[in-house]
């Protein structure tokens, strides 16, 4: 199906299917009233088709994921980044400590990989495959639940990730 398939003017089509002797203002108004729900359904179909096409054209690639996140949450300035170990994302990893109400850099081991901080202390290497880095200006402005749903929709199932603020 081509895009032209969905560019149907329902009101005009309904009026053109009437016999010429019935094409009067009153009958036209009744026909328009009758096809208005059909016009609304067609618009919903067009919207669903555009959303589905957008979802199909975006996948787990870093550039596509970054584009989808920026389209959804920071369309004007496009400051959201997706970083992994290869792009140097561990160098800027920070952890927010509630007790001190500030962020601290995550210490690194001699291998250069960041360590996980958990309730019992340090342990292991970074448990994340990539980081979604947001600017501080967006903290509190975006819905993190929606951000999580967007990332989970596009990422590969085996990948682990977290949110970083810079």
N, C-alpha and C. Protein backbone atom coordinates (compact mmCIF):
# COMPACT_ATOMS: atom_id res chain seq x y z
N UNK A 1 0.84 -1.18 0.00
CA UNK A 1 0.00 0.00 0.00
C UNK A 1 0.88 1.24 0.00
N UNK A 2 0.47 2.17 -0.74
CA UNK A 2 1.23 3.42 -0.80
C UNK A 2 0.62 4.44 0.15
N UNK A 3 1.31 5.52 0.34
CA UNK A 3 0.81 6.58 1.22
C UNK A 3 -0.47 7.21 0.66
N UNK A 4 -0.65 7.21 -0.64
CA UNK A 4 -1.84 7.82 -1.23
C UNK A 4 -3.10 7.07 -0.84
N UNK A 5 -2.97 5.80 -0.48
CA UNK A 5 -4.12 5.00 -0.09
C UNK A 5 -4.85 5.63 1.10
N UNK A 6 -4.11 6.25 1.99
CA UNK A 6 -4.70 6.80 3.20
C UNK A 6 -5.08 8.26 3.06
N UNK A 7 -4.87 8.85 1.92
CA UNK A 7 -5.23 10.25 1.70
C UNK A 7 -6.60 10.33 1.02
N UNK A 8 -7.60 9.89 1.71
CA UNK A 8 -8.96 9.88 1.19
C UNK A 8 -9.74 10.99 1.89
N UNK A 9 -10.40 11.82 1.11
CA UNK A 9 -11.27 12.84 1.68
C UNK A 9 -12.66 12.22 1.79
N UNK A 10 -13.00 11.76 2.99
CA UNK A 10 -14.22 11.01 3.21
C UNK A 10 -15.46 11.85 2.89
N UNK A 11 -15.46 13.11 3.31
CA UNK A 11 -16.62 13.96 3.06
C UNK A 11 -16.86 14.14 1.56
N UNK A 12 -15.81 14.39 0.82
CA UNK A 12 -15.96 14.58 -0.62
C UNK A 12 -16.39 13.29 -1.30
N UNK A 13 -15.83 12.16 -0.87
CA UNK A 13 -16.21 10.88 -1.43
C UNK A 13 -17.68 10.58 -1.18
N UNK A 14 -18.16 10.86 0.03
CA UNK A 14 -19.57 10.63 0.36
C UNK A 14 -20.48 11.51 -0.51
N UNK A 15 -20.08 12.77 -0.70
CA UNK A 15 -20.88 13.67 -1.51
C UNK A 15 -20.88 13.26 -2.99
N UNK A 16 -19.75 12.79 -3.49
CA UNK A 16 -19.66 12.38 -4.88
C UNK A 16 -20.43 11.09 -5.17
N UNK A 17 -20.65 10.26 -4.16
CA UNK A 17 -21.40 9.03 -4.38
C UNK A 17 -22.91 9.26 -4.39
N UNK A 18 -23.35 10.44 -3.98
CA UNK A 18 -24.77 10.77 -4.04
C UNK A 18 -25.20 11.01 -5.49
N UNK A 19 -26.41 10.64 -5.83
CA UNK A 19 -26.91 11.03 -7.14
C UNK A 19 -26.99 12.56 -7.25
N UNK A 20 -26.84 13.09 -8.42
CA UNK A 20 -26.80 14.55 -8.59
C UNK A 20 -28.07 15.23 -8.12
N UNK A 21 -29.21 14.60 -8.24
CA UNK A 21 -30.45 15.23 -7.82
C UNK A 21 -30.59 15.31 -6.30
N UNK A 22 -29.72 14.57 -5.52
CA UNK A 22 -29.74 14.65 -4.05
C UNK A 22 -28.66 15.58 -3.50
N UNK A 23 -27.84 16.16 -4.34
CA UNK A 23 -26.74 17.02 -3.87
C UNK A 23 -27.28 18.41 -3.53
N UNK A 24 -27.87 18.51 -2.39
CA UNK A 24 -28.43 19.75 -1.88
C UNK A 24 -27.79 20.03 -0.52
N UNK A 25 -27.81 21.28 -0.05
CA UNK A 25 -27.17 21.61 1.23
C UNK A 25 -27.66 20.79 2.42
N UNK A 26 -28.96 20.57 2.53
CA UNK A 26 -29.49 19.82 3.67
C UNK A 26 -29.04 18.35 3.62
N UNK A 27 -29.14 17.74 2.46
CA UNK A 27 -28.72 16.34 2.31
C UNK A 27 -27.20 16.23 2.52
N UNK A 28 -26.46 17.21 2.01
CA UNK A 28 -25.01 17.22 2.20
C UNK A 28 -24.63 17.30 3.67
N UNK A 29 -25.36 18.14 4.43
CA UNK A 29 -25.09 18.26 5.87
C UNK A 29 -25.38 16.93 6.58
N UNK A 30 -26.45 16.26 6.21
CA UNK A 30 -26.76 14.96 6.81
C UNK A 30 -25.69 13.92 6.47
N UNK A 31 -25.25 13.92 5.23
CA UNK A 31 -24.19 12.99 4.82
C UNK A 31 -22.90 13.28 5.58
N UNK A 32 -22.53 14.57 5.71
CA UNK A 32 -21.33 14.94 6.46
C UNK A 32 -21.43 14.47 7.91
N UNK A 33 -22.61 14.64 8.52
CA UNK A 33 -22.80 14.20 9.90
C UNK A 33 -22.65 12.68 10.00
N UNK A 34 -23.09 11.98 8.98
CA UNK A 34 -23.01 10.52 9.00
C UNK A 34 -21.61 9.98 8.81
N UNK A 35 -20.76 10.68 8.07
CA UNK A 35 -19.42 10.16 7.80
C UNK A 35 -18.35 10.76 8.71
N UNK A 36 -18.74 11.66 9.61
CA UNK A 36 -17.76 12.25 10.52
C UNK A 36 -17.07 11.19 11.39
N UNK A 37 -17.79 10.22 11.99
CA UNK A 37 -17.08 9.17 12.75
C UNK A 37 -16.11 8.37 11.89
N UNK A 38 -16.47 8.12 10.65
CA UNK A 38 -15.58 7.40 9.74
C UNK A 38 -14.32 8.22 9.46
N UNK A 39 -14.48 9.53 9.33
CA UNK A 39 -13.34 10.42 9.12
C UNK A 39 -12.40 10.40 10.33
N UNK A 40 -12.98 10.38 11.54
CA UNK A 40 -12.19 10.32 12.77
C UNK A 40 -11.42 9.00 12.85
N UNK A 41 -12.07 7.90 12.48
CA UNK A 41 -11.39 6.59 12.49
C UNK A 41 -10.25 6.56 11.47
N UNK A 42 -10.45 7.15 10.32
CA UNK A 42 -9.39 7.21 9.32
C UNK A 42 -8.20 8.02 9.84
N UNK A 43 -8.47 9.11 10.55
CA UNK A 43 -7.38 9.90 11.13
C UNK A 43 -6.63 9.11 12.19
N UNK A 44 -7.35 8.34 13.01
CA UNK A 44 -6.69 7.48 14.00
C UNK A 44 -5.84 6.41 13.31
N UNK A 45 -6.33 5.87 12.20
CA UNK A 45 -5.56 4.89 11.44
C UNK A 45 -4.28 5.50 10.89
N UNK A 46 -4.38 6.73 10.38
CA UNK A 46 -3.18 7.42 9.87
C UNK A 46 -2.16 7.63 10.98
N UNK A 47 -2.63 8.05 12.15
CA UNK A 47 -1.74 8.29 13.29
C UNK A 47 -1.07 6.98 13.72
N UNK A 48 -1.86 5.92 13.84
CA UNK A 48 -1.31 4.62 14.23
C UNK A 48 -0.28 4.14 13.21
N UNK A 49 -0.56 4.35 11.95
CA UNK A 49 0.37 3.93 10.89
C UNK A 49 1.70 4.69 10.98
N UNK A 50 1.62 6.00 11.26
CA UNK A 50 2.85 6.79 11.40
C UNK A 50 3.66 6.34 12.61
N UNK A 51 2.98 6.09 13.75
CA UNK A 51 3.67 5.64 14.95
C UNK A 51 4.32 4.28 14.74
N UNK A 52 3.61 3.38 14.09
CA UNK A 52 4.15 2.04 13.83
C UNK A 52 5.34 2.12 12.89
N UNK A 53 5.24 2.95 11.88
CA UNK A 53 6.35 3.12 10.95
C UNK A 53 7.57 3.68 11.67
N UNK A 54 7.37 4.64 12.58
CA UNK A 54 8.48 5.21 13.35
C UNK A 54 9.12 4.12 14.21
N UNK A 55 8.30 3.30 14.88
CA UNK A 55 8.82 2.25 15.74
C UNK A 55 9.60 1.20 14.95
N UNK A 56 9.12 0.86 13.76
CA UNK A 56 9.79 -0.14 12.94
C UNK A 56 11.13 0.38 12.43
N UNK A 57 11.21 1.67 12.14
CA UNK A 57 12.43 2.25 11.59
C UNK A 57 13.48 2.56 12.66
N UNK A 58 13.16 2.40 13.93
CA UNK A 58 14.13 2.62 15.00
C UNK A 58 14.38 1.28 15.69
N UNK A 59 15.66 1.03 16.00
CA UNK A 59 16.02 -0.24 16.62
C UNK A 59 17.02 0.01 17.74
N UNK A 60 17.75 -1.00 18.14
CA UNK A 60 18.67 -0.91 19.26
C UNK A 60 20.02 -0.28 18.95
N UNK A 61 20.24 0.17 17.72
CA UNK A 61 21.51 0.83 17.43
C UNK A 61 21.61 2.10 18.25
N UNK A 62 22.82 2.43 18.65
CA UNK A 62 23.03 3.60 19.51
C UNK A 62 22.50 4.87 18.85
N UNK A 63 22.79 5.06 17.58
CA UNK A 63 22.35 6.29 16.91
C UNK A 63 20.83 6.35 16.81
N UNK A 64 20.18 5.24 16.56
CA UNK A 64 18.72 5.21 16.47
C UNK A 64 18.07 5.42 17.83
N UNK A 65 18.64 4.78 18.87
CA UNK A 65 18.11 4.95 20.22
C UNK A 65 18.27 6.38 20.69
N UNK A 66 19.44 6.97 20.43
CA UNK A 66 19.66 8.37 20.79
C UNK A 66 18.67 9.28 20.06
N UNK A 67 18.44 9.02 18.79
CA UNK A 67 17.48 9.82 18.03
C UNK A 67 16.07 9.69 18.57
N UNK A 68 15.65 8.47 18.91
CA UNK A 68 14.30 8.26 19.44
C UNK A 68 14.13 8.96 20.79
N UNK A 69 15.15 8.89 21.65
CA UNK A 69 15.06 9.56 22.95
C UNK A 69 15.03 11.07 22.80
N UNK A 70 15.87 11.60 21.92
CA UNK A 70 15.86 13.05 21.71
C UNK A 70 14.55 13.51 21.07
N UNK A 71 13.99 12.72 20.17
CA UNK A 71 12.70 13.08 19.57
C UNK A 71 11.61 13.15 20.63
N UNK A 72 11.65 12.21 21.58
CA UNK A 72 10.59 12.12 22.57
C UNK A 72 10.76 13.10 23.74
N UNK A 73 11.99 13.36 24.17
CA UNK A 73 12.18 14.10 25.42
C UNK A 73 12.92 15.42 25.29
N UNK A 74 13.72 15.62 24.26
CA UNK A 74 14.50 16.86 24.12
C UNK A 74 14.61 17.22 22.65
N UNK A 75 13.46 17.47 22.03
CA UNK A 75 13.42 17.65 20.58
C UNK A 75 14.15 18.90 20.11
N UNK A 76 14.14 19.97 20.90
CA UNK A 76 14.76 21.22 20.45
C UNK A 76 16.27 21.20 20.56
N UNK A 77 16.78 20.86 21.74
CA UNK A 77 18.24 20.96 21.96
C UNK A 77 18.99 19.65 21.71
N UNK A 78 18.31 18.51 21.77
CA UNK A 78 18.89 17.20 21.47
C UNK A 78 20.17 16.93 22.26
N UNK A 79 20.05 17.01 23.59
CA UNK A 79 21.21 16.85 24.47
C UNK A 79 21.35 15.46 25.06
N UNK A 80 20.41 14.58 24.84
CA UNK A 80 20.46 13.24 25.42
C UNK A 80 21.48 12.40 24.65
N UNK A 81 22.35 11.70 25.40
CA UNK A 81 23.39 10.86 24.78
C UNK A 81 23.24 9.43 25.26
N UNK A 82 23.66 8.51 24.43
CA UNK A 82 23.72 7.09 24.80
C UNK A 82 25.18 6.70 24.72
N UNK A 83 25.74 6.27 25.85
CA UNK A 83 27.17 5.95 25.90
C UNK A 83 27.36 4.52 26.38
N UNK A 84 28.41 3.91 25.88
CA UNK A 84 28.79 2.59 26.37
C UNK A 84 30.27 2.62 26.74
N UNK A 85 30.81 1.47 27.11
CA UNK A 85 32.21 1.44 27.54
C UNK A 85 33.16 1.86 26.43
N UNK A 86 32.83 1.53 25.19
CA UNK A 86 33.70 1.88 24.07
C UNK A 86 33.73 3.38 23.81
N UNK A 87 32.65 4.08 24.17
CA UNK A 87 32.61 5.52 23.93
C UNK A 87 33.10 6.31 25.13
N UNK A 88 33.63 5.62 26.14
CA UNK A 88 34.16 6.32 27.30
C UNK A 88 33.10 6.72 28.30
N UNK A 89 31.98 6.02 28.30
CA UNK A 89 30.89 6.37 29.19
C UNK A 89 31.20 6.13 30.65
N UNK A 90 32.18 5.25 30.98
CA UNK A 90 32.47 4.97 32.37
C UNK A 90 33.26 6.10 33.02
N UNK A 91 33.92 6.93 32.25
CA UNK A 91 34.73 7.99 32.84
C UNK A 91 33.87 9.00 33.60
N UNK A 92 32.67 9.24 33.13
CA UNK A 92 31.82 10.24 33.76
C UNK A 92 30.75 9.65 34.64
N UNK A 93 30.86 8.35 34.99
CA UNK A 93 29.82 7.72 35.79
C UNK A 93 29.80 8.33 37.19
N UNK A 94 28.61 8.65 37.66
CA UNK A 94 28.45 9.27 38.96
C UNK A 94 27.31 8.58 39.70
N UNK A 95 27.38 8.59 41.01
CA UNK A 95 26.36 7.99 41.85
C UNK A 95 25.83 9.06 42.80
N UNK A 96 24.51 9.11 42.93
CA UNK A 96 23.88 10.07 43.83
C UNK A 96 23.73 9.43 45.20
N UNK A 97 24.32 10.07 46.22
CA UNK A 97 24.22 9.58 47.59
C UNK A 97 23.15 10.38 48.31
N UNK A 98 22.08 9.69 48.71
CA UNK A 98 20.98 10.38 49.40
C UNK A 98 21.42 10.94 50.75
N UNK A 99 22.27 10.21 51.44
CA UNK A 99 22.69 10.66 52.77
C UNK A 99 23.44 11.99 52.71
N UNK A 100 24.23 12.19 51.66
CA UNK A 100 24.99 13.43 51.53
C UNK A 100 24.33 14.42 50.57
N UNK A 101 23.26 13.99 49.91
CA UNK A 101 22.51 14.82 48.96
C UNK A 101 23.41 15.43 47.88
N UNK A 102 24.30 14.62 47.34
CA UNK A 102 25.15 15.07 46.23
C UNK A 102 25.64 13.86 45.46
N UNK A 103 26.19 14.14 44.28
CA UNK A 103 26.69 13.07 43.43
C UNK A 103 28.20 12.94 43.60
N UNK A 104 28.68 11.71 43.56
CA UNK A 104 30.11 11.44 43.66
C UNK A 104 30.53 10.60 42.46
N UNK A 105 31.77 10.77 41.98
CA UNK A 105 32.24 9.93 40.87
C UNK A 105 32.40 8.48 41.32
N UNK A 106 32.13 7.57 40.42
CA UNK A 106 32.29 6.15 40.72
C UNK A 106 33.77 5.81 40.61
N UNK A 107 34.35 5.22 41.65
CA UNK A 107 35.77 4.86 41.59
C UNK A 107 36.02 3.79 40.54
N UNK A 108 37.23 3.82 39.95
CA UNK A 108 37.58 2.85 38.92
C UNK A 108 38.66 1.92 39.44
N UNK A 109 38.64 0.72 38.92
CA UNK A 109 39.68 -0.24 39.26
C UNK A 109 40.85 -0.05 38.31
N UNK A 110 41.90 -0.81 38.52
CA UNK A 110 43.09 -0.68 37.67
C UNK A 110 42.80 -1.07 36.22
N UNK A 111 41.74 -1.83 35.99
CA UNK A 111 41.40 -2.23 34.62
C UNK A 111 40.73 -1.10 33.86
N UNK A 112 40.32 -0.07 34.57
CA UNK A 112 39.66 1.06 33.92
C UNK A 112 38.15 0.90 33.82
N UNK A 113 37.63 -0.19 34.37
CA UNK A 113 36.18 -0.39 34.34
C UNK A 113 35.60 0.07 35.67
N UNK A 114 34.48 0.73 35.62
CA UNK A 114 33.84 1.24 36.83
C UNK A 114 33.32 0.09 37.69
N UNK A 115 33.26 0.31 38.98
CA UNK A 115 32.75 -0.71 39.89
C UNK A 115 31.31 -0.38 40.26
N UNK A 116 30.60 -1.40 40.71
CA UNK A 116 29.23 -1.23 41.17
C UNK A 116 29.26 -0.85 42.64
N UNK A 117 28.43 0.09 43.00
CA UNK A 117 28.29 0.42 44.42
C UNK A 117 26.94 -0.11 44.86
N UNK A 118 26.96 -0.98 45.87
CA UNK A 118 25.71 -1.50 46.38
C UNK A 118 25.67 -1.28 47.89
N UNK A 119 24.64 -1.76 48.54
CA UNK A 119 24.47 -1.53 49.97
C UNK A 119 25.59 -2.08 50.82
N UNK A 120 26.30 -3.10 50.36
CA UNK A 120 27.38 -3.71 51.15
C UNK A 120 28.75 -3.16 50.80
N UNK A 121 28.81 -2.22 49.87
CA UNK A 121 30.11 -1.66 49.48
C UNK A 121 30.34 -1.85 48.00
N UNK A 122 31.62 -1.92 47.63
CA UNK A 122 31.98 -2.07 46.22
C UNK A 122 31.98 -3.53 45.85
N UNK A 123 31.67 -3.79 44.59
CA UNK A 123 31.73 -5.17 44.16
C UNK A 123 31.63 -5.29 42.65
N UNK A 124 32.57 -5.97 42.06
CA UNK A 124 32.51 -6.30 40.65
C UNK A 124 32.73 -5.13 39.72
N UNK A 125 32.63 -5.41 38.45
CA UNK A 125 32.77 -4.39 37.44
C UNK A 125 31.39 -3.85 37.11
N UNK A 126 31.34 -2.86 36.28
CA UNK A 126 30.07 -2.23 35.95
C UNK A 126 29.07 -3.26 35.45
N UNK A 127 27.86 -3.20 35.97
CA UNK A 127 26.83 -4.13 35.58
C UNK A 127 25.99 -3.62 34.43
N UNK A 128 26.44 -2.57 33.77
CA UNK A 128 25.63 -1.96 32.71
C UNK A 128 26.36 -2.04 31.37
N UNK A 129 25.57 -2.24 30.33
CA UNK A 129 26.13 -2.28 28.99
C UNK A 129 26.16 -0.89 28.36
N UNK A 130 25.21 -0.03 28.75
CA UNK A 130 25.22 1.35 28.25
C UNK A 130 24.51 2.26 29.23
N UNK A 131 24.76 3.56 29.07
CA UNK A 131 24.19 4.59 29.92
C UNK A 131 23.42 5.58 29.07
N UNK A 132 22.27 5.98 29.54
CA UNK A 132 21.54 7.08 28.92
C UNK A 132 21.90 8.31 29.73
N UNK A 133 22.63 9.23 29.12
CA UNK A 133 23.11 10.42 29.83
C UNK A 133 22.20 11.60 29.52
N UNK A 134 21.62 12.14 30.57
CA UNK A 134 20.71 13.28 30.46
C UNK A 134 21.37 14.51 31.07
N UNK A 135 21.12 15.69 30.55
CA UNK A 135 21.63 16.90 31.18
C UNK A 135 20.88 17.17 32.49
N UNK A 136 21.54 17.83 33.41
CA UNK A 136 20.92 18.15 34.70
C UNK A 136 19.65 18.99 34.54
N UNK A 137 19.60 19.78 33.49
CA UNK A 137 18.44 20.65 33.27
C UNK A 137 17.16 19.85 33.08
N UNK A 138 17.28 18.60 32.63
CA UNK A 138 16.10 17.77 32.41
C UNK A 138 15.69 16.97 33.64
N UNK A 139 16.50 17.02 34.69
CA UNK A 139 16.17 16.27 35.91
C UNK A 139 14.87 16.82 36.50
N UNK A 140 13.92 15.97 36.68
CA UNK A 140 12.62 16.36 37.23
C UNK A 140 11.64 16.84 36.17
N UNK A 141 12.13 17.23 34.98
CA UNK A 141 11.24 17.70 33.92
C UNK A 141 10.68 16.56 33.08
N UNK A 142 11.43 15.46 33.00
CA UNK A 142 10.94 14.35 32.19
C UNK A 142 10.46 13.22 33.09
N UNK A 143 9.57 12.44 32.57
CA UNK A 143 9.02 11.30 33.29
C UNK A 143 9.97 10.11 33.08
N UNK A 144 10.65 9.70 34.15
CA UNK A 144 11.63 8.62 34.02
C UNK A 144 10.96 7.28 33.71
N UNK A 145 9.72 7.12 34.09
CA UNK A 145 9.00 5.89 33.74
C UNK A 145 8.80 5.81 32.24
N UNK A 146 8.44 6.94 31.63
CA UNK A 146 8.28 6.98 30.17
C UNK A 146 9.62 6.78 29.47
N UNK A 147 10.69 7.37 30.04
CA UNK A 147 12.03 7.19 29.48
C UNK A 147 12.42 5.72 29.53
N UNK A 148 12.17 5.07 30.67
CA UNK A 148 12.48 3.65 30.82
C UNK A 148 11.71 2.81 29.80
N UNK A 149 10.43 3.12 29.62
CA UNK A 149 9.63 2.37 28.65
C UNK A 149 10.15 2.57 27.23
N UNK A 150 10.57 3.78 26.90
CA UNK A 150 11.09 4.06 25.56
C UNK A 150 12.39 3.30 25.32
N UNK A 151 13.30 3.33 26.29
CA UNK A 151 14.57 2.62 26.12
C UNK A 151 14.33 1.11 26.04
N UNK A 152 13.46 0.59 26.89
CA UNK A 152 13.19 -0.85 26.88
C UNK A 152 12.51 -1.29 25.59
N UNK A 153 11.77 -0.41 24.94
CA UNK A 153 11.13 -0.75 23.67
C UNK A 153 12.17 -0.96 22.57
N UNK A 154 13.22 -0.13 22.57
CA UNK A 154 14.17 -0.16 21.45
C UNK A 154 15.44 -0.95 21.72
N UNK A 155 15.83 -1.16 22.96
CA UNK A 155 17.10 -1.83 23.24
C UNK A 155 16.98 -3.32 23.01
N UNK A 156 18.14 -3.96 22.89
CA UNK A 156 18.16 -5.42 22.80
C UNK A 156 17.80 -6.00 24.16
N UNK A 157 17.18 -7.16 24.17
CA UNK A 157 16.67 -7.74 25.41
C UNK A 157 17.79 -8.06 26.41
N UNK A 158 18.97 -8.38 25.93
CA UNK A 158 20.05 -8.80 26.82
C UNK A 158 20.84 -7.62 27.40
N UNK A 159 20.60 -6.42 26.95
CA UNK A 159 21.40 -5.28 27.38
C UNK A 159 20.87 -4.68 28.68
N UNK A 160 21.81 -4.31 29.55
CA UNK A 160 21.48 -3.65 30.81
C UNK A 160 21.88 -2.19 30.72
N UNK A 161 21.11 -1.32 31.32
CA UNK A 161 21.38 0.11 31.17
C UNK A 161 20.96 0.86 32.44
N UNK A 162 21.38 2.12 32.51
CA UNK A 162 20.99 2.98 33.62
C UNK A 162 20.94 4.42 33.13
N UNK A 163 20.40 5.28 33.98
CA UNK A 163 20.30 6.71 33.65
C UNK A 163 21.41 7.44 34.38
N UNK A 164 22.12 8.30 33.67
CA UNK A 164 23.17 9.16 34.23
C UNK A 164 22.76 10.60 34.02
N UNK A 165 23.04 11.45 34.98
CA UNK A 165 22.83 12.90 34.81
C UNK A 165 24.20 13.57 34.81
N UNK A 166 24.40 14.49 33.90
CA UNK A 166 25.69 15.21 33.86
C UNK A 166 25.46 16.70 33.97
